[in-house]
Amino acid sequence: MLADTPTAYVESLASAQAQTEGQWRSRAAAMTAPGSATFVAERGSTADSFCGLMRVVVKHPQQPNRPRQAMLISVYVASPYRGSGLADELLGKSVEAAAGELGAGLLQLGVHEDNARALAFYERHGFRDTGRREAYALDPGKKEIIMERELSPEAPAT
């Protein structure tokens, strides 16, 4: 995952491999914490059946005078499943959770400026470029494009 699409993450493969078991357990626990919804896709029941994940969290701190905000983070689809509709399915569930159980009116995310495929995917699903740019954590010379989508409880997920 970090090896095949390094610009999609804000962590290097070396950094991830250096994490202790306790650190990985803390990360896993955060995926089920209040204010968070995580969706995992598996195909089969073997150890290598993991094929995708999306996580959405309530944003902290909230921006004043705006609807409640959530952030889409921890987005991953294994390369054999890219283009199969799995990302659409995971995003649909994430949008529903953000608008529903998390009560968000706005869903935000950041995309590396060189990730044209992800930019097109999110645009196709109603996200728009806010014009904001943030330094990419692993290479401050590169930027993350901040995108957002307005949500409503009645709106379709995709």
N, C-alpha and C. Protein backbone atom coordinates (compact mmCIF):
# COMPACT_ATOMS: atom_id res chain seq x y z
N MET A 1 0.83 -1.18 0.00
CA MET A 1 0.00 0.00 0.00
C MET A 1 0.87 1.24 0.00
N LEU A 2 1.74 1.42 0.98
CA LEU A 2 2.63 2.58 0.96
C LEU A 2 3.68 2.44 -0.14
N ALA A 3 4.00 1.21 -0.50
CA ALA A 3 5.01 0.99 -1.54
C ALA A 3 4.48 1.30 -2.93
N ASP A 4 3.21 0.99 -3.22
CA ASP A 4 2.71 1.16 -4.59
C ASP A 4 2.10 2.52 -4.86
N THR A 5 1.69 3.26 -3.84
CA THR A 5 1.13 4.61 -4.04
C THR A 5 1.61 5.55 -2.93
N PRO A 6 2.91 5.85 -2.90
CA PRO A 6 3.44 6.62 -1.77
C PRO A 6 2.86 8.02 -1.62
N THR A 7 2.46 8.67 -2.70
CA THR A 7 1.94 10.04 -2.56
C THR A 7 0.53 10.09 -1.98
N ALA A 8 -0.11 8.95 -1.84
CA ALA A 8 -1.47 8.93 -1.29
C ALA A 8 -1.47 8.98 0.24
N TYR A 9 -0.30 8.94 0.84
CA TYR A 9 -0.21 8.85 2.30
C TYR A 9 0.68 9.95 2.85
N VAL A 10 0.53 10.24 4.10
CA VAL A 10 1.39 11.21 4.76
C VAL A 10 2.35 10.50 5.71
N GLU A 11 2.72 9.29 5.33
CA GLU A 11 3.65 8.49 6.11
C GLU A 11 4.49 7.67 5.14
N SER A 12 5.77 7.58 5.41
CA SER A 12 6.63 6.78 4.54
C SER A 12 6.52 5.30 4.92
N LEU A 13 6.91 4.44 4.00
CA LEU A 13 6.92 3.00 4.27
C LEU A 13 7.86 2.71 5.43
N ALA A 14 9.02 3.35 5.46
CA ALA A 14 9.98 3.13 6.54
C ALA A 14 9.38 3.51 7.89
N SER A 15 8.67 4.62 7.94
CA SER A 15 8.04 5.06 9.18
C SER A 15 6.97 4.06 9.64
N ALA A 16 6.18 3.59 8.71
CA ALA A 16 5.14 2.61 9.06
C ALA A 16 5.76 1.31 9.57
N GLN A 17 6.82 0.87 8.93
CA GLN A 17 7.48 -0.37 9.34
C GLN A 17 8.15 -0.24 10.70
N ALA A 18 8.48 0.99 11.10
CA ALA A 18 9.13 1.22 12.39
C ALA A 18 8.14 1.27 13.56
N GLN A 19 6.85 1.30 13.28
CA GLN A 19 5.84 1.36 14.34
C GLN A 19 5.87 0.08 15.19
N THR A 20 5.69 0.24 16.48
CA THR A 20 5.64 -0.91 17.38
C THR A 20 4.26 -1.54 17.33
N GLU A 21 4.14 -2.72 17.88
CA GLU A 21 2.83 -3.37 17.94
C GLU A 21 1.85 -2.51 18.74
N GLY A 22 2.32 -1.91 19.82
CA GLY A 22 1.46 -1.04 20.62
C GLY A 22 0.95 0.16 19.83
N GLN A 23 1.81 0.73 19.01
CA GLN A 23 1.40 1.85 18.18
C GLN A 23 0.36 1.42 17.15
N TRP A 24 0.53 0.23 16.56
CA TRP A 24 -0.46 -0.27 15.61
C TRP A 24 -1.78 -0.57 16.30
N ARG A 25 -1.72 -1.08 17.52
CA ARG A 25 -2.96 -1.34 18.26
C ARG A 25 -3.69 -0.03 18.57
N SER A 26 -2.96 1.01 18.90
CA SER A 26 -3.57 2.32 19.14
C SER A 26 -4.25 2.86 17.89
N ARG A 27 -3.59 2.69 16.75
CA ARG A 27 -4.18 3.12 15.49
C ARG A 27 -5.47 2.34 15.21
N ALA A 28 -5.42 1.05 15.43
CA ALA A 28 -6.61 0.22 15.19
C ALA A 28 -7.75 0.63 16.12
N ALA A 29 -7.44 0.92 17.38
CA ALA A 29 -8.47 1.34 18.33
C ALA A 29 -9.10 2.66 17.90
N ALA A 30 -8.31 3.56 17.33
CA ALA A 30 -8.84 4.86 16.90
C ALA A 30 -9.88 4.69 15.80
N MET A 31 -9.80 3.61 15.05
CA MET A 31 -10.74 3.40 13.95
C MET A 31 -12.16 3.12 14.43
N THR A 32 -12.31 2.76 15.68
CA THR A 32 -13.65 2.51 16.23
C THR A 32 -14.02 3.52 17.31
N ALA A 33 -13.24 4.57 17.44
CA ALA A 33 -13.49 5.58 18.47
C ALA A 33 -14.72 6.41 18.13
N PRO A 34 -15.36 7.01 19.13
CA PRO A 34 -16.48 7.92 18.85
C PRO A 34 -16.03 9.02 17.89
N GLY A 35 -16.93 9.42 17.00
CA GLY A 35 -16.59 10.45 16.03
C GLY A 35 -15.83 9.92 14.83
N SER A 36 -15.87 8.60 14.66
CA SER A 36 -15.13 7.96 13.58
C SER A 36 -15.94 6.81 13.01
N ALA A 37 -15.87 6.63 11.71
CA ALA A 37 -16.49 5.47 11.06
C ALA A 37 -15.49 4.90 10.06
N THR A 38 -15.24 3.60 10.16
CA THR A 38 -14.26 2.95 9.29
C THR A 38 -14.94 1.82 8.53
N PHE A 39 -14.66 1.75 7.24
CA PHE A 39 -15.23 0.71 6.39
C PHE A 39 -14.09 -0.08 5.76
N VAL A 40 -14.13 -1.40 5.94
CA VAL A 40 -13.10 -2.30 5.44
C VAL A 40 -13.73 -3.24 4.43
N ALA A 41 -13.07 -3.42 3.30
CA ALA A 41 -13.54 -4.35 2.27
C ALA A 41 -12.60 -5.54 2.23
N GLU A 42 -13.19 -6.72 2.27
CA GLU A 42 -12.43 -7.96 2.17
C GLU A 42 -13.08 -8.84 1.12
N ARG A 43 -12.27 -9.61 0.46
CA ARG A 43 -12.76 -10.59 -0.50
C ARG A 43 -12.19 -11.93 -0.07
N GLY A 44 -13.03 -12.77 0.51
CA GLY A 44 -12.57 -14.06 1.00
C GLY A 44 -12.32 -14.01 2.49
N SER A 45 -11.70 -15.07 3.00
CA SER A 45 -11.48 -15.15 4.44
C SER A 45 -10.04 -15.50 4.79
N THR A 46 -9.12 -15.34 3.86
CA THR A 46 -7.72 -15.63 4.15
C THR A 46 -7.02 -14.37 4.66
N ALA A 47 -5.79 -14.54 5.10
CA ALA A 47 -5.03 -13.41 5.65
C ALA A 47 -4.79 -12.31 4.62
N ASP A 48 -4.79 -12.66 3.35
CA ASP A 48 -4.55 -11.66 2.30
C ASP A 48 -5.83 -11.19 1.63
N SER A 49 -6.97 -11.30 2.32
CA SER A 49 -8.26 -10.95 1.72
C SER A 49 -8.59 -9.46 1.81
N PHE A 50 -7.79 -8.69 2.56
CA PHE A 50 -8.02 -7.24 2.69
C PHE A 50 -7.82 -6.58 1.33
N CYS A 51 -8.81 -5.77 0.91
CA CYS A 51 -8.66 -5.11 -0.39
C CYS A 51 -9.00 -3.63 -0.37
N GLY A 52 -9.51 -3.10 0.73
CA GLY A 52 -9.78 -1.67 0.76
C GLY A 52 -10.24 -1.18 2.12
N LEU A 53 -10.10 0.15 2.31
CA LEU A 53 -10.48 0.76 3.58
C LEU A 53 -10.73 2.25 3.36
N MET A 54 -11.73 2.79 4.02
CA MET A 54 -11.93 4.24 4.11
C MET A 54 -12.36 4.55 5.53
N ARG A 55 -11.87 5.68 6.02
CA ARG A 55 -12.22 6.12 7.36
C ARG A 55 -12.61 7.59 7.30
N VAL A 56 -13.68 7.92 7.98
CA VAL A 56 -14.15 9.30 8.06
C VAL A 56 -14.23 9.66 9.55
N VAL A 57 -13.78 10.87 9.89
CA VAL A 57 -13.77 11.32 11.28
C VAL A 57 -14.33 12.73 11.37
N VAL A 58 -14.87 13.06 12.53
CA VAL A 58 -15.30 14.44 12.79
C VAL A 58 -14.03 15.28 12.87
N LYS A 59 -14.04 16.41 12.19
CA LYS A 59 -12.86 17.27 12.12
C LYS A 59 -12.72 18.08 13.40
N HIS A 60 -11.48 18.17 13.89
CA HIS A 60 -11.17 18.99 15.07
C HIS A 60 -9.96 19.85 14.73
N PRO A 61 -9.97 21.12 14.97
CA PRO A 61 -11.13 21.87 15.44
C PRO A 61 -12.09 22.16 14.29
N GLN A 62 -13.30 22.45 14.63
CA GLN A 62 -14.31 22.82 13.63
C GLN A 62 -14.05 24.25 13.17
N GLN A 63 -14.36 24.53 11.91
CA GLN A 63 -14.27 25.90 11.41
C GLN A 63 -15.58 26.60 11.79
N PRO A 64 -15.49 27.75 12.45
CA PRO A 64 -16.71 28.44 12.87
C PRO A 64 -17.53 28.92 11.68
N ASN A 65 -18.82 29.10 11.91
CA ASN A 65 -19.76 29.61 10.90
C ASN A 65 -19.85 28.73 9.66
N ARG A 66 -19.59 27.45 9.83
CA ARG A 66 -19.73 26.49 8.73
C ARG A 66 -20.48 25.28 9.28
N PRO A 67 -21.07 24.48 8.40
CA PRO A 67 -21.70 23.25 8.88
C PRO A 67 -20.67 22.35 9.57
N ARG A 68 -21.15 21.45 10.40
CA ARG A 68 -20.26 20.49 11.07
C ARG A 68 -19.44 19.78 9.99
N GLN A 69 -18.13 19.68 10.22
CA GLN A 69 -17.24 19.12 9.22
C GLN A 69 -16.70 17.75 9.63
N ALA A 70 -16.56 16.90 8.63
CA ALA A 70 -15.89 15.61 8.79
C ALA A 70 -14.77 15.55 7.76
N MET A 71 -13.79 14.70 8.02
CA MET A 71 -12.65 14.52 7.11
C MET A 71 -12.60 13.07 6.66
N LEU A 72 -12.36 12.87 5.38
CA LEU A 72 -12.14 11.53 4.85
C LEU A 72 -10.65 11.27 4.93
N ILE A 73 -10.27 10.24 5.67
CA ILE A 73 -8.86 9.89 5.85
C ILE A 73 -8.69 8.39 5.65
N SER A 74 -7.45 7.94 5.68
CA SER A 74 -7.15 6.51 5.59
C SER A 74 -7.83 5.85 4.40
N VAL A 75 -7.67 6.43 3.23
CA VAL A 75 -8.29 5.88 2.02
C VAL A 75 -7.30 4.94 1.35
N TYR A 76 -7.74 3.71 1.08
CA TYR A 76 -6.87 2.74 0.40
C TYR A 76 -7.71 1.71 -0.34
N VAL A 77 -7.32 1.44 -1.56
CA VAL A 77 -7.88 0.33 -2.34
C VAL A 77 -6.69 -0.40 -2.95
N ALA A 78 -6.59 -1.70 -2.71
CA ALA A 78 -5.48 -2.50 -3.25
C ALA A 78 -5.48 -2.44 -4.77
N SER A 79 -4.30 -2.44 -5.35
CA SER A 79 -4.19 -2.23 -6.80
C SER A 79 -5.03 -3.18 -7.64
N PRO A 80 -5.20 -4.47 -7.29
CA PRO A 80 -6.05 -5.31 -8.14
C PRO A 80 -7.52 -4.90 -8.16
N TYR A 81 -7.95 -4.08 -7.19
CA TYR A 81 -9.36 -3.68 -7.09
C TYR A 81 -9.62 -2.26 -7.55
N ARG A 82 -8.57 -1.54 -7.94
CA ARG A 82 -8.76 -0.18 -8.44
C ARG A 82 -9.50 -0.22 -9.76
N GLY A 83 -10.50 0.63 -9.90
CA GLY A 83 -11.31 0.65 -11.12
C GLY A 83 -12.43 -0.37 -11.13
N SER A 84 -12.59 -1.12 -10.03
CA SER A 84 -13.61 -2.18 -9.97
C SER A 84 -14.94 -1.71 -9.39
N GLY A 85 -14.99 -0.48 -8.89
CA GLY A 85 -16.19 0.00 -8.21
C GLY A 85 -16.09 -0.09 -6.70
N LEU A 86 -15.04 -0.73 -6.19
CA LEU A 86 -14.87 -0.85 -4.75
C LEU A 86 -14.71 0.51 -4.08
N ALA A 87 -13.92 1.39 -4.67
CA ALA A 87 -13.74 2.73 -4.09
C ALA A 87 -15.07 3.48 -4.07
N ASP A 88 -15.88 3.33 -5.12
CA ASP A 88 -17.21 3.97 -5.15
C ASP A 88 -18.06 3.47 -3.98
N GLU A 89 -18.02 2.16 -3.76
CA GLU A 89 -18.80 1.56 -2.68
C GLU A 89 -18.33 2.07 -1.31
N LEU A 90 -17.03 2.08 -1.09
CA LEU A 90 -16.49 2.55 0.19
C LEU A 90 -16.78 4.03 0.40
N LEU A 91 -16.64 4.83 -0.65
CA LEU A 91 -16.93 6.26 -0.52
C LEU A 91 -18.41 6.48 -0.23
N GLY A 92 -19.28 5.73 -0.88
CA GLY A 92 -20.71 5.85 -0.61
C GLY A 92 -21.03 5.60 0.86
N LYS A 93 -20.44 4.56 1.42
CA LYS A 93 -20.66 4.25 2.84
C LYS A 93 -20.08 5.35 3.74
N SER A 94 -18.94 5.88 3.35
CA SER A 94 -18.30 6.94 4.13
C SER A 94 -19.12 8.22 4.12
N VAL A 95 -19.66 8.58 2.96
CA VAL A 95 -20.52 9.77 2.84
C VAL A 95 -21.78 9.59 3.68
N GLU A 96 -22.39 8.42 3.61
CA GLU A 96 -23.59 8.15 4.41
C GLU A 96 -23.30 8.27 5.90
N ALA A 97 -22.16 7.73 6.34
CA ALA A 97 -21.80 7.79 7.76
C ALA A 97 -21.51 9.23 8.19
N ALA A 98 -20.82 9.98 7.34
CA ALA A 98 -20.52 11.38 7.68
C ALA A 98 -21.80 12.18 7.85
N ALA A 99 -22.73 12.03 6.92
CA ALA A 99 -23.99 12.78 6.98
C ALA A 99 -24.92 12.24 8.06
N GLY A 100 -24.89 10.94 8.27
CA GLY A 100 -25.80 10.30 9.22
C GLY A 100 -25.27 10.27 10.63
N GLU A 101 -24.55 9.22 10.96
CA GLU A 101 -24.12 9.02 12.35
C GLU A 101 -23.16 10.10 12.87
N LEU A 102 -22.37 10.72 12.00
CA LEU A 102 -21.44 11.77 12.45
C LEU A 102 -22.07 13.15 12.40
N GLY A 103 -23.22 13.28 11.74
CA GLY A 103 -23.95 14.54 11.70
C GLY A 103 -23.26 15.67 10.98
N ALA A 104 -22.42 15.35 10.01
CA ALA A 104 -21.68 16.39 9.28
C ALA A 104 -22.49 16.96 8.13
N GLY A 105 -22.29 18.22 7.87
CA GLY A 105 -22.91 18.88 6.72
C GLY A 105 -21.90 19.12 5.61
N LEU A 106 -20.63 18.81 5.90
CA LEU A 106 -19.55 19.05 4.96
C LEU A 106 -18.50 17.96 5.13
N LEU A 107 -18.07 17.37 4.03
CA LEU A 107 -17.02 16.34 4.06
C LEU A 107 -15.81 16.88 3.32
N GLN A 108 -14.67 16.88 3.99
CA GLN A 108 -13.44 17.42 3.42
C GLN A 108 -12.40 16.31 3.26
N LEU A 109 -11.43 16.57 2.38
CA LEU A 109 -10.32 15.64 2.18
C LEU A 109 -9.17 16.38 1.53
N GLY A 110 -7.99 15.78 1.58
CA GLY A 110 -6.82 16.32 0.91
C GLY A 110 -6.30 15.31 -0.08
N VAL A 111 -5.89 15.79 -1.27
CA VAL A 111 -5.36 14.92 -2.32
C VAL A 111 -4.03 15.49 -2.79
N HIS A 112 -3.01 14.65 -2.88
CA HIS A 112 -1.70 15.09 -3.38
C HIS A 112 -1.88 15.66 -4.78
N GLU A 113 -1.24 16.77 -5.05
CA GLU A 113 -1.41 17.47 -6.32
C GLU A 113 -1.07 16.62 -7.55
N ASP A 114 -0.24 15.61 -7.40
CA ASP A 114 0.15 14.75 -8.52
C ASP A 114 -0.75 13.53 -8.68
N ASN A 115 -1.76 13.38 -7.83
CA ASN A 115 -2.63 12.19 -7.88
C ASN A 115 -3.87 12.49 -8.73
N ALA A 116 -3.66 12.56 -10.04
CA ALA A 116 -4.75 12.91 -10.97
C ALA A 116 -5.91 11.94 -10.90
N ARG A 117 -5.62 10.67 -10.70
CA ARG A 117 -6.69 9.67 -10.64
C ARG A 117 -7.61 9.93 -9.45
N ALA A 118 -7.03 10.22 -8.29
CA ALA A 118 -7.85 10.50 -7.11
C ALA A 118 -8.62 11.80 -7.27
N LEU A 119 -7.99 12.81 -7.83
CA LEU A 119 -8.69 14.09 -8.06
C LEU A 119 -9.92 13.87 -8.94
N ALA A 120 -9.76 13.12 -10.03
CA ALA A 120 -10.90 12.86 -10.93
C ALA A 120 -11.98 12.04 -10.22
N PHE A 121 -11.58 11.07 -9.41
CA PHE A 121 -12.52 10.23 -8.67
C PHE A 121 -13.39 11.10 -7.75
N TYR A 122 -12.75 11.95 -6.96
CA TYR A 122 -13.51 12.77 -6.02
C TYR A 122 -14.38 13.80 -6.73
N GLU A 123 -13.88 14.38 -7.80
CA GLU A 123 -14.71 15.32 -8.58
C GLU A 123 -15.95 14.61 -9.12
N ARG A 124 -15.78 13.39 -9.59
CA ARG A 124 -16.91 12.61 -10.11
C ARG A 124 -17.96 12.37 -9.02
N HIS A 125 -17.52 12.36 -7.78
CA HIS A 125 -18.43 12.11 -6.65
C HIS A 125 -18.86 13.39 -5.95
N GLY A 126 -18.76 14.52 -6.63
CA GLY A 126 -19.33 15.76 -6.11
C GLY A 126 -18.42 16.60 -5.24
N PHE A 127 -17.16 16.24 -5.09
CA PHE A 127 -16.23 17.07 -4.33
C PHE A 127 -15.72 18.18 -5.23
N ARG A 128 -15.45 19.34 -4.62
CA ARG A 128 -14.92 20.45 -5.40
C ARG A 128 -13.64 20.96 -4.75
N ASP A 129 -12.78 21.48 -5.57
CA ASP A 129 -11.53 22.08 -5.11
C ASP A 129 -11.87 23.38 -4.39
N THR A 130 -11.44 23.51 -3.15
CA THR A 130 -11.73 24.71 -2.36
C THR A 130 -10.79 25.87 -2.69
N GLY A 131 -9.72 25.58 -3.41
CA GLY A 131 -8.69 26.59 -3.67
C GLY A 131 -7.61 26.61 -2.60
N ARG A 132 -7.85 25.91 -1.49
CA ARG A 132 -6.85 25.83 -0.42
C ARG A 132 -5.80 24.79 -0.77
N ARG A 133 -4.56 25.09 -0.40
CA ARG A 133 -3.45 24.17 -0.58
C ARG A 133 -2.70 24.08 0.74
N GLU A 134 -2.27 22.88 1.07
CA GLU A 134 -1.47 22.68 2.27
C GLU A 134 -0.20 21.95 1.86
N ALA A 135 0.88 22.21 2.56
CA ALA A 135 2.14 21.53 2.27
C ALA A 135 1.97 20.03 2.51
N TYR A 136 2.47 19.23 1.60
CA TYR A 136 2.44 17.78 1.75
C TYR A 136 3.48 17.40 2.81
N ALA A 137 3.07 16.66 3.81
CA ALA A 137 3.91 16.40 4.97
C ALA A 137 5.26 15.76 4.64
N LEU A 138 5.31 14.87 3.67
CA LEU A 138 6.56 14.18 3.35
C LEU A 138 7.44 14.95 2.37
N ASP A 139 6.90 15.96 1.73
CA ASP A 139 7.65 16.77 0.77
C ASP A 139 7.00 18.15 0.72
N PRO A 140 7.42 19.06 1.62
CA PRO A 140 6.78 20.38 1.69
C PRO A 140 6.83 21.18 0.39
N GLY A 141 7.64 20.76 -0.58
CA GLY A 141 7.65 21.41 -1.88
C GLY A 141 6.45 21.04 -2.72
N LYS A 142 5.73 20.01 -2.31
CA LYS A 142 4.51 19.56 -2.99
C LYS A 142 3.31 19.98 -2.15
N LYS A 143 2.14 19.97 -2.77
CA LYS A 143 0.93 20.43 -2.09
C LYS A 143 -0.15 19.36 -2.06
N GLU A 144 -0.99 19.48 -1.04
CA GLU A 144 -2.24 18.73 -0.98
C GLU A 144 -3.34 19.69 -1.39
N ILE A 145 -4.20 19.24 -2.29
CA ILE A 145 -5.35 20.02 -2.72
C ILE A 145 -6.49 19.70 -1.77
N ILE A 146 -7.07 20.70 -1.15
CA ILE A 146 -8.17 20.49 -0.22
C ILE A 146 -9.49 20.55 -0.99
N MET A 147 -10.26 19.49 -0.87
CA MET A 147 -11.55 19.38 -1.56
C MET A 147 -12.64 19.20 -0.51
N GLU A 148 -13.87 19.53 -0.88
CA GLU A 148 -14.99 19.32 0.03
C GLU A 148 -16.27 19.07 -0.75
N ARG A 149 -17.22 18.49 -0.03
CA ARG A 149 -18.54 18.20 -0.59
C ARG A 149 -19.57 18.50 0.47
N GLU A 150 -20.61 19.24 0.07
CA GLU A 150 -21.70 19.49 1.00
C GLU A 150 -22.53 18.22 1.15
N LEU A 151 -23.00 17.99 2.36
CA LEU A 151 -23.79 16.80 2.66
C LEU A 151 -25.15 17.21 3.20
N SER A 152 -26.11 16.35 2.98
CA SER A 152 -27.41 16.50 3.63
C SER A 152 -27.92 15.10 3.91
N PRO A 153 -28.70 14.93 4.98
CA PRO A 153 -29.20 13.60 5.32
C PRO A 153 -30.00 12.96 4.19
N GLU A 154 -30.64 13.78 3.35
CA GLU A 154 -31.48 13.24 2.29
C GLU A 154 -30.70 12.98 1.00
N ALA A 155 -29.49 13.54 0.88
CA ALA A 155 -28.75 13.45 -0.38
C ALA A 155 -28.26 12.02 -0.62
N PRO A 156 -28.27 11.60 -1.88
CA PRO A 156 -27.72 10.28 -2.19
C PRO A 156 -26.22 10.26 -1.91
N ALA A 157 -25.69 9.08 -1.62
CA ALA A 157 -24.28 8.94 -1.25
C ALA A 157 -23.34 9.27 -2.40
N THR A 158 -23.72 8.99 -3.62
CA THR A 158 -22.79 9.24 -4.73
C THR A 158 -23.44 10.08 -5.79
